[in-house]
Amino acid sequence: MMFDWSGHRQELMETIGKIARLSPETVRGYTTLSAAGTKTNHLDAKTRELIALAVAVSLRCDGCITVHTDAAIKRNARRKKKSPKPSVLRSP
């Protein structure tokens, strides 16, 4: 049987809600940090989420993976994207 990622994400969000009630400053700090990237506009929202997803995968954080996968999909990230032709990738 496959793992229920949607259910896991829902449980995680409920737990974060409990943490927010116990320690609102902690969650407010995380929210402030997360929102800081939007201020400069150097990276669009989809790119920021894909980077966050890559970090989550490298850290093997299941909760982070499910949250950032959902956020990336909501920002129109897709599984396959055309990649450059191999000749473009080669050095001269």
PDB file of N, CA and C in Angstrom:
ATOM      1  N   MET A   1       0.840  -1.182   0.000  1.00  0.00           N
ATOM      2  CA  MET A   1       0.000   0.000   0.000  1.00  0.00           C
ATOM      3  C   MET A   1       0.884   1.245   0.000  1.00  0.00           C
ATOM      4  N   MET A   2       0.483   2.232  -0.781  1.00  0.00           N
ATOM      5  CA  MET A   2       1.247   3.475  -0.871  1.00  0.00           C
ATOM      6  C   MET A   2       0.986   4.363   0.345  1.00  0.00           C
ATOM      7  N   PHE A   3       1.976   5.135   0.684  1.00  0.00           N
ATOM      8  CA  PHE A   3       1.859   6.071   1.793  1.00  0.00           C
ATOM      9  C   PHE A   3       0.873   7.171   1.425  1.00  0.00           C
ATOM     10  N   ASP A   4       0.044   7.574   2.359  1.00  0.00           N
ATOM     11  CA  ASP A   4      -0.956   8.629   2.138  1.00  0.00           C
ATOM     12  C   ASP A   4      -0.329  10.000   2.411  1.00  0.00           C
ATOM     13  N   TRP A   5       0.280  10.577   1.363  1.00  0.00           N
ATOM     14  CA  TRP A   5       0.969  11.862   1.523  1.00  0.00           C
ATOM     15  C   TRP A   5      -0.006  12.988   1.836  1.00  0.00           C
ATOM     16  N   SER A   6      -1.197  12.954   1.239  1.00  0.00           N
ATOM     17  CA  SER A   6      -2.185  14.005   1.517  1.00  0.00           C
ATOM     18  C   SER A   6      -2.616  13.966   2.976  1.00  0.00           C
ATOM     19  N   GLY A   7      -2.831  12.766   3.482  1.00  0.00           N
ATOM     20  CA  GLY A   7      -3.191  12.613   4.891  1.00  0.00           C
ATOM     21  C   GLY A   7      -2.056  13.061   5.799  1.00  0.00           C
ATOM     22  N   HIS A   8      -0.838  12.723   5.413  1.00  0.00           N
ATOM     23  CA  HIS A   8       0.337  13.122   6.193  1.00  0.00           C
ATOM     24  C   HIS A   8       0.456  14.647   6.242  1.00  0.00           C
ATOM     25  N   ARG A   9       0.244  15.296   5.092  1.00  0.00           N
ATOM     26  CA  ARG A   9       0.301  16.756   5.035  1.00  0.00           C
ATOM     27  C   ARG A   9      -0.783  17.368   5.928  1.00  0.00           C
ATOM     28  N   GLN A  10      -1.967  16.794   5.896  1.00  0.00           N
ATOM     29  CA  GLN A  10      -3.070  17.294   6.729  1.00  0.00           C
ATOM     30  C   GLN A  10      -2.737  17.160   8.214  1.00  0.00           C
ATOM     31  N   GLU A  11      -2.192  16.014   8.609  1.00  0.00           N
ATOM     32  CA  GLU A  11      -1.789  15.817  10.007  1.00  0.00           C
ATOM     33  C   GLU A  11      -0.709  16.826  10.405  1.00  0.00           C
ATOM     34  N   LEU A  12       0.229  17.046   9.512  1.00  0.00           N
ATOM     35  CA  LEU A  12       1.305  17.994   9.767  1.00  0.00           C
ATOM     36  C   LEU A  12       0.748  19.399   9.967  1.00  0.00           C
ATOM     37  N   MET A  13      -0.181  19.800   9.118  1.00  0.00           N
ATOM     38  CA  MET A  13      -0.760  21.138   9.238  1.00  0.00           C
ATOM     39  C   MET A  13      -1.533  21.283  10.555  1.00  0.00           C
ATOM     40  N   GLU A  14      -2.203  20.217  10.974  1.00  0.00           N
ATOM     41  CA  GLU A  14      -2.904  20.255  12.266  1.00  0.00           C
ATOM     42  C   GLU A  14      -1.907  20.406  13.411  1.00  0.00           C
ATOM     43  N   THR A  15      -0.782  19.699  13.315  1.00  0.00           N
ATOM     44  CA  THR A  15       0.253  19.789  14.345  1.00  0.00           C
ATOM     45  C   THR A  15       0.862  21.192  14.379  1.00  0.00           C
ATOM     46  N   ILE A  16       1.096  21.762  13.216  1.00  0.00           N
ATOM     47  CA  ILE A  16       1.629  23.132  13.168  1.00  0.00           C
ATOM     48  C   ILE A  16       0.632  24.104  13.794  1.00  0.00           C
ATOM     49  N   GLY A  17      -0.657  23.858  13.580  1.00  0.00           N
ATOM     50  CA  GLY A  17      -1.687  24.685  14.216  1.00  0.00           C
ATOM     51  C   GLY A  17      -1.607  24.598  15.736  1.00  0.00           C
ATOM     52  N   LYS A  18      -1.361  23.404  16.255  1.00  0.00           N
ATOM     53  CA  LYS A  18      -1.216  23.231  17.713  1.00  0.00           C
ATOM     54  C   LYS A  18       0.027  23.967  18.214  1.00  0.00           C
ATOM     55  N   ILE A  19       1.113  23.856  17.456  1.00  0.00           N
ATOM     56  CA  ILE A  19       2.340  24.559  17.836  1.00  0.00           C
ATOM     57  C   ILE A  19       2.098  26.070  17.834  1.00  0.00           C
ATOM     58  N   ALA A  20       1.357  26.548  16.847  1.00  0.00           N
ATOM     59  CA  ALA A  20       1.058  27.984  16.753  1.00  0.00           C
ATOM     60  C   ALA A  20       0.284  28.464  17.974  1.00  0.00           C
ATOM     61  N   ARG A  21      -0.605  27.625  18.484  1.00  0.00           N
ATOM     62  CA  ARG A  21      -1.366  28.015  19.674  1.00  0.00           C
ATOM     63  C   ARG A  21      -0.473  28.015  20.923  1.00  0.00           C
ATOM     64  N   LEU A  22       0.479  27.083  20.981  1.00  0.00           N
ATOM     65  CA  LEU A  22       1.377  26.996  22.136  1.00  0.00           C
ATOM     66  C   LEU A  22       2.507  28.022  22.079  1.00  0.00           C
ATOM     67  N   SER A  23       2.995  28.291  20.875  1.00  0.00           N
ATOM     68  CA  SER A  23       4.139  29.197  20.708  1.00  0.00           C
ATOM     69  C   SER A  23       3.971  30.036  19.446  1.00  0.00           C
ATOM     70  N   PRO A  24       3.095  31.010  19.493  1.00  0.00           N
ATOM     71  CA  PRO A  24       2.819  31.814  18.297  1.00  0.00           C
ATOM     72  C   PRO A  24       4.053  32.530  17.762  1.00  0.00           C
ATOM     73  N   GLU A  25       4.972  32.921  18.623  1.00  0.00           N
ATOM     74  CA  GLU A  25       6.180  33.617  18.181  1.00  0.00           C
ATOM     75  C   GLU A  25       7.043  32.721  17.294  1.00  0.00           C
ATOM     76  N   THR A  26       7.087  31.428  17.600  1.00  0.00           N
ATOM     77  CA  THR A  26       7.882  30.490  16.798  1.00  0.00           C
ATOM     78  C   THR A  26       7.344  30.424  15.379  1.00  0.00           C
ATOM     79  N   VAL A  27       6.050  30.257  15.255  1.00  0.00           N
ATOM     80  CA  VAL A  27       5.434  30.158  13.933  1.00  0.00           C
ATOM     81  C   VAL A  27       5.510  31.495  13.213  1.00  0.00           C
ATOM     82  N   ARG A  28       5.351  32.586  13.923  1.00  0.00           N
ATOM     83  CA  ARG A  28       5.460  33.909  13.318  1.00  0.00           C
ATOM     84  C   ARG A  28       6.881  34.120  12.770  1.00  0.00           C
ATOM     85  N   GLY A  29       7.890  33.663  13.501  1.00  0.00           N
ATOM     86  CA  GLY A  29       9.272  33.770  13.028  1.00  0.00           C
ATOM     87  C   GLY A  29       9.502  32.978  11.753  1.00  0.00           C
ATOM     88  N   TYR A  30       8.964  31.760  11.705  1.00  0.00           N
ATOM     89  CA  TYR A  30       9.098  30.936  10.502  1.00  0.00           C
ATOM     90  C   TYR A  30       8.388  31.601   9.323  1.00  0.00           C
ATOM     91  N   THR A  31       7.211  32.126   9.568  1.00  0.00           N
ATOM     92  CA  THR A  31       6.446  32.792   8.515  1.00  0.00           C
ATOM     93  C   THR A  31       7.194  34.021   7.997  1.00  0.00           C
ATOM     94  N   THR A  32       7.787  34.769   8.900  1.00  0.00           N
ATOM     95  CA  THR A  32       8.561  35.956   8.513  1.00  0.00           C
ATOM     96  C   THR A  32       9.754  35.545   7.656  1.00  0.00           C
ATOM     97  N   LEU A  33      10.448  34.503   8.077  1.00  0.00           N
ATOM     98  CA  LEU A  33      11.597  34.015   7.322  1.00  0.00           C
ATOM     99  C   LEU A  33      11.172  33.534   5.937  1.00  0.00           C
ATOM    100  N   SER A  34      10.077  32.801   5.868  1.00  0.00           N
ATOM    101  CA  SER A  34       9.584  32.291   4.585  1.00  0.00           C
ATOM    102  C   SER A  34       9.172  33.421   3.648  1.00  0.00           C
ATOM    103  N   ALA A  35       8.593  34.469   4.206  1.00  0.00           N
ATOM    104  CA  ALA A  35       8.117  35.584   3.389  1.00  0.00           C
ATOM    105  C   ALA A  35       9.248  36.503   2.929  1.00  0.00           C
ATOM    106  N   ALA A  36      10.403  36.418   3.563  1.00  0.00           N
ATOM    107  CA  ALA A  36      11.510  37.314   3.224  1.00  0.00           C
ATOM    108  C   ALA A  36      11.942  37.172   1.771  1.00  0.00           C
ATOM    109  N   GLY A  37      11.865  35.963   1.233  1.00  0.00           N
ATOM    110  CA  GLY A  37      12.272  35.731  -0.154  1.00  0.00           C
ATOM    111  C   GLY A  37      11.408  36.443  -1.179  1.00  0.00           C
ATOM    112  N   THR A  38      10.205  36.769  -0.817  1.00  0.00           N
ATOM    113  CA  THR A  38       9.302  37.438  -1.757  1.00  0.00           C
ATOM    114  C   THR A  38       9.609  38.926  -1.888  1.00  0.00           C
ATOM    115  N   LYS A  39      10.351  39.475  -0.963  1.00  0.00           N
ATOM    116  CA  LYS A  39      10.600  40.920  -0.943  1.00  0.00           C
ATOM    117  C   LYS A  39      11.519  41.380  -2.077  1.00  0.00           C
ATOM    118  N   THR A  40      12.494  40.568  -2.461  1.00  0.00           N
ATOM    119  CA  THR A  40      13.470  41.001  -3.457  1.00  0.00           C
ATOM    120  C   THR A  40      13.037  40.729  -4.891  1.00  0.00           C
ATOM    121  N   ASN A  41      12.186  39.748  -5.091  1.00  0.00           N
ATOM    122  CA  ASN A  41      11.747  39.331  -6.422  1.00  0.00           C
ATOM    123  C   ASN A  41      12.889  38.811  -7.300  1.00  0.00           C
ATOM    124  N   HIS A  42      13.987  38.358  -6.681  1.00  0.00           N
ATOM    125  CA  HIS A  42      15.068  37.765  -7.465  1.00  0.00           C
ATOM    126  C   HIS A  42      14.646  36.409  -8.027  1.00  0.00           C
ATOM    127  N   LEU A  43      13.833  35.677  -7.263  1.00  0.00           N
ATOM    128  CA  LEU A  43      13.324  34.375  -7.702  1.00  0.00           C
ATOM    129  C   LEU A  43      11.801  34.391  -7.629  1.00  0.00           C
ATOM    130  N   ASP A  44      11.167  33.769  -8.622  1.00  0.00           N
ATOM    131  CA  ASP A  44       9.709  33.695  -8.557  1.00  0.00           C
ATOM    132  C   ASP A  44       9.284  32.624  -7.543  1.00  0.00           C
ATOM    133  N   ALA A  45       8.003  32.614  -7.215  1.00  0.00           N
ATOM    134  CA  ALA A  45       7.476  31.720  -6.182  1.00  0.00           C
ATOM    135  C   ALA A  45       7.701  30.253  -6.534  1.00  0.00           C
ATOM    136  N   LYS A  46       7.519  29.898  -7.798  1.00  0.00           N
ATOM    137  CA  LYS A  46       7.710  28.501  -8.208  1.00  0.00           C
ATOM    138  C   LYS A  46       9.158  28.073  -8.003  1.00  0.00           C
ATOM    139  N   THR A  47      10.096  28.909  -8.384  1.00  0.00           N
ATOM    140  CA  THR A  47      11.511  28.580  -8.229  1.00  0.00           C
ATOM    141  C   THR A  47      11.876  28.443  -6.756  1.00  0.00           C
ATOM    142  N   ARG A  48      11.365  29.351  -5.915  1.00  0.00           N
ATOM    143  CA  ARG A  48      11.632  29.249  -4.475  1.00  0.00           C
ATOM    144  C   ARG A  48      11.094  27.947  -3.912  1.00  0.00           C
ATOM    145  N   GLU A  49       9.910  27.532  -4.336  1.00  0.00           N
ATOM    146  CA  GLU A  49       9.345  26.276  -3.831  1.00  0.00           C
ATOM    147  C   GLU A  49      10.130  25.066  -4.334  1.00  0.00           C
ATOM    148  N   LEU A  50      10.594  25.110  -5.576  1.00  0.00           N
ATOM    149  CA  LEU A  50      11.390  23.997  -6.095  1.00  0.00           C
ATOM    150  C   LEU A  50      12.721  23.890  -5.353  1.00  0.00           C
ATOM    151  N   ILE A  51      13.315  25.013  -5.001  1.00  0.00           N
ATOM    152  CA  ILE A  51      14.538  24.986  -4.202  1.00  0.00           C
ATOM    153  C   ILE A  51      14.239  24.422  -2.811  1.00  0.00           C
ATOM    154  N   ALA A  52      13.150  24.873  -2.210  1.00  0.00           N
ATOM    155  CA  ALA A  52      12.759  24.362  -0.894  1.00  0.00           C
ATOM    156  C   ALA A  52      12.503  22.853  -0.959  1.00  0.00           C
ATOM    157  N   LEU A  53      11.903  22.397  -2.045  1.00  0.00           N
ATOM    158  CA  LEU A  53      11.654  20.968  -2.222  1.00  0.00           C
ATOM    159  C   LEU A  53      12.969  20.199  -2.351  1.00  0.00           C
ATOM    160  N   ALA A  54      13.915  20.743  -3.099  1.00  0.00           N
ATOM    161  CA  ALA A  54      15.222  20.087  -3.245  1.00  0.00           C
ATOM    162  C   ALA A  54      15.923  19.973  -1.896  1.00  0.00           C
ATOM    163  N   VAL A  55      15.849  21.019  -1.093  1.00  0.00           N
ATOM    164  CA  VAL A  55      16.448  20.978   0.245  1.00  0.00           C
ATOM    165  C   VAL A  55      15.733  19.931   1.095  1.00  0.00           C
ATOM    166  N   ALA A  56      14.407  19.906   1.027  1.00  0.00           N
ATOM    167  CA  ALA A  56      13.632  18.934   1.804  1.00  0.00           C
ATOM    168  C   ALA A  56      14.005  17.501   1.440  1.00  0.00           C
ATOM    169  N   VAL A  57      14.185  17.246   0.144  1.00  0.00           N
ATOM    170  CA  VAL A  57      14.571  15.904  -0.306  1.00  0.00           C
ATOM    171  C   VAL A  57      15.969  15.574   0.202  1.00  0.00           C
ATOM    172  N   SER A  58      16.887  16.526   0.110  1.00  0.00           N
ATOM    173  CA  SER A  58      18.264  16.251   0.545  1.00  0.00           C
ATOM    174  C   SER A  58      18.324  15.995   2.055  1.00  0.00           C
ATOM    175  N   LEU A  59      17.421  16.619   2.807  1.00  0.00           N
ATOM    176  CA  LEU A  59      17.370  16.401   4.254  1.00  0.00           C
ATOM    177  C   LEU A  59      16.498  15.203   4.639  1.00  0.00           C
ATOM    178  N   ARG A  60      15.796  14.654   3.649  1.00  0.00           N
ATOM    179  CA  ARG A  60      14.890  13.518   3.865  1.00  0.00           C
ATOM    180  C   ARG A  60      13.804  13.819   4.903  1.00  0.00           C
ATOM    181  N   CYS A  61      13.274  15.029   4.807  1.00  0.00           N
ATOM    182  CA  CYS A  61      12.224  15.480   5.720  1.00  0.00           C
ATOM    183  C   CYS A  61      10.865  15.244   5.060  1.00  0.00           C
ATOM    184  N   ASP A  62      10.186  14.163   5.440  1.00  0.00           N
ATOM    185  CA  ASP A  62       8.914  13.800   4.807  1.00  0.00           C
ATOM    186  C   ASP A  62       7.878  14.912   4.887  1.00  0.00           C
ATOM    187  N   GLY A  63       7.768  15.551   6.054  1.00  0.00           N
ATOM    188  CA  GLY A  63       6.802  16.635   6.201  1.00  0.00           C
ATOM    189  C   GLY A  63       7.119  17.795   5.285  1.00  0.00           C
ATOM    190  N   CYS A  64       8.401  18.159   5.207  1.00  0.00           N
ATOM    191  CA  CYS A  64       8.829  19.261   4.342  1.00  0.00           C
ATOM    192  C   CYS A  64       8.591  18.910   2.872  1.00  0.00           C
ATOM    193  N   ILE A  65       8.874  17.664   2.513  1.00  0.00           N
ATOM    194  CA  ILE A  65       8.680  17.223   1.128  1.00  0.00           C
ATOM    195  C   ILE A  65       7.220  17.356   0.730  1.00  0.00           C
ATOM    196  N   THR A  66       6.315  16.884   1.563  1.00  0.00           N
ATOM    197  CA  THR A  66       4.896  16.922   1.195  1.00  0.00           C
ATOM    198  C   THR A  66       4.358  18.350   1.138  1.00  0.00           C
ATOM    199  N   VAL A  67       4.789  19.211   2.058  1.00  0.00           N
ATOM    200  CA  VAL A  67       4.319  20.598   2.062  1.00  0.00           C
ATOM    201  C   VAL A  67       4.856  21.354   0.845  1.00  0.00           C
ATOM    202  N   HIS A  68       6.152  21.194   0.547  1.00  0.00           N
ATOM    203  CA  HIS A  68       6.735  21.944  -0.565  1.00  0.00           C
ATOM    204  C   HIS A  68       6.348  21.368  -1.927  1.00  0.00           C
ATOM    205  N   THR A  69       6.054  20.066  -2.000  1.00  0.00           N
ATOM    206  CA  THR A  69       5.538  19.498  -3.248  1.00  0.00           C
ATOM    207  C   THR A  69       4.173  20.101  -3.559  1.00  0.00           C
ATOM    208  N   ASP A  70       3.319  20.141  -2.558  1.00  0.00           N
ATOM    209  CA  ASP A  70       1.984  20.721  -2.734  1.00  0.00           C
ATOM    210  C   ASP A  70       2.090  22.195  -3.138  1.00  0.00           C
ATOM    211  N   ALA A  71       2.964  22.937  -2.471  1.00  0.00           N
ATOM    212  CA  ALA A  71       3.122  24.367  -2.787  1.00  0.00           C
ATOM    213  C   ALA A  71       3.684  24.561  -4.194  1.00  0.00           C
ATOM    214  N   ALA A  72       4.628  23.715  -4.601  1.00  0.00           N
ATOM    215  CA  ALA A  72       5.200  23.833  -5.949  1.00  0.00           C
ATOM    216  C   ALA A  72       4.147  23.537  -7.018  1.00  0.00           C
ATOM    217  N   ILE A  73       3.333  22.533  -6.787  1.00  0.00           N
ATOM    218  CA  ILE A  73       2.266  22.191  -7.738  1.00  0.00           C
ATOM    219  C   ILE A  73       1.270  23.355  -7.846  1.00  0.00           C
ATOM    220  N   LYS A  74       0.942  23.964  -6.725  1.00  0.00           N
ATOM    221  CA  LYS A  74       0.023  25.109  -6.735  1.00  0.00           C
ATOM    222  C   LYS A  74       0.610  26.298  -7.486  1.00  0.00           C
ATOM    223  N   ARG A  75       1.951  26.328  -7.613  1.00  0.00           N
ATOM    224  CA  ARG A  75       2.618  27.403  -8.345  1.00  0.00           C
ATOM    225  C   ARG A  75       2.984  26.972  -9.759  1.00  0.00           C
ATOM    226  N   ASN A  76       2.291  25.943 -10.228  1.00  0.00           N
ATOM    227  CA  ASN A  76       2.379  25.469 -11.611  1.00  0.00           C
ATOM    228  C   ASN A  76       3.670  24.722 -11.953  1.00  0.00           C
ATOM    229  N   ALA A  77       4.343  24.153 -10.964  1.00  0.00           N
ATOM    230  CA  ALA A  77       5.506  23.306 -11.247  1.00  0.00           C
ATOM    231  C   ALA A  77       4.990  21.974 -11.791  1.00  0.00           C
ATOM    232  N   ARG A  78       5.679  21.444 -12.749  1.00  0.00           N
ATOM    233  CA  ARG A  78       5.292  20.174 -13.362  1.00  0.00           C
ATOM    234  C   ARG A  78       6.448  19.196 -13.307  1.00  0.00           C
ATOM    235  N   ARG A  79       6.132  17.938 -13.447  1.00  0.00           N
ATOM    236  CA  ARG A  79       7.133  16.882 -13.343  1.00  0.00           C
ATOM    237  C   ARG A  79       8.166  16.953 -14.459  1.00  0.00           C
ATOM    238  N   LYS A  80       7.712  17.136 -15.683  1.00  0.00           N
ATOM    239  CA  LYS A  80       8.630  17.146 -16.814  1.00  0.00           C
ATOM    240  C   LYS A  80       8.696  18.536 -17.418  1.00  0.00           C
ATOM    241  N   LYS A  81       9.894  18.902 -17.760  1.00  0.00           N
ATOM    242  CA  LYS A  81      10.109  20.164 -18.432  1.00  0.00           C
ATOM    243  C   LYS A  81      11.143  19.903 -19.516  1.00  0.00           C
ATOM    244  N   LYS A  82      10.985  20.545 -20.646  1.00  0.00           N
ATOM    245  CA  LYS A  82      11.949  20.349 -21.720  1.00  0.00           C
ATOM    246  C   LYS A  82      13.318  20.799 -21.236  1.00  0.00           C
ATOM    247  N   SER A  83      14.292  19.967 -21.450  1.00  0.00           N
ATOM    248  CA  SER A  83      15.653  20.342 -21.082  1.00  0.00           C
ATOM    249  C   SER A  83      16.420  20.724 -22.337  1.00  0.00           C
ATOM    250  N   PRO A  84      17.494  21.462 -22.159  1.00  0.00           N
ATOM    251  CA  PRO A  84      18.265  21.883 -23.331  1.00  0.00           C
ATOM    252  C   PRO A  84      18.841  20.673 -24.063  1.00  0.00           C
ATOM    253  N   LYS A  85      19.101  20.865 -25.330  1.00  0.00           N
ATOM    254  CA  LYS A  85      19.713  19.799 -26.119  1.00  0.00           C
ATOM    255  C   LYS A  85      21.102  19.515 -25.559  1.00  0.00           C
ATOM    256  N   PRO A  86      21.528  18.249 -25.619  1.00  0.00           N
ATOM    257  CA  PRO A  86      22.863  17.913 -25.090  1.00  0.00           C
ATOM    258  C   PRO A  86      23.972  18.777 -25.656  1.00  0.00           C
ATOM    259  N   SER A  87      23.855  19.221 -26.910  1.00  0.00           N
ATOM    260  CA  SER A  87      24.917  20.040 -27.507  1.00  0.00           C
ATOM    261  C   SER A  87      25.052  21.380 -26.771  1.00  0.00           C
ATOM    262  N   VAL A  88      23.972  21.851 -26.196  1.00  0.00           N
ATOM    263  CA  VAL A  88      24.006  23.111 -25.465  1.00  0.00           C
ATOM    264  C   VAL A  88      24.765  22.918 -24.154  1.00  0.00           C
ATOM    265  N   LEU A  89      24.712  21.726 -23.616  1.00  0.00           N
ATOM    266  CA  LEU A  89      25.342  21.457 -22.321  1.00  0.00           C
ATOM    267  C   LEU A  89      26.844  21.204 -22.430  1.00  0.00           C
ATOM    268  N   ARG A  90      27.340  20.871 -23.619  1.00  0.00           N
ATOM    269  CA  ARG A  90      28.747  20.559 -23.770  1.00  0.00           C
ATOM    270  C   ARG A  90      29.609  21.803 -23.752  1.00  0.00           C
ATOM    271  N   SER A  91      30.788  21.666 -23.192  1.00  0.00           N
ATOM    272  CA  SER A  91      31.762  22.759 -23.200  1.00  0.00           C
ATOM    273  C   SER A  91      32.403  22.848 -24.556  1.00  0.00           C
ATOM    274  N   PRO A  92      32.859  24.033 -24.968  1.00  0.00           N
ATOM    275  CA  PRO A  92      33.524  24.174 -26.268  1.00  0.00           C
ATOM    276  C   PRO A  92      34.877  23.476 -26.281  1.00  0.00           C
TER     277      PRO A  92
END
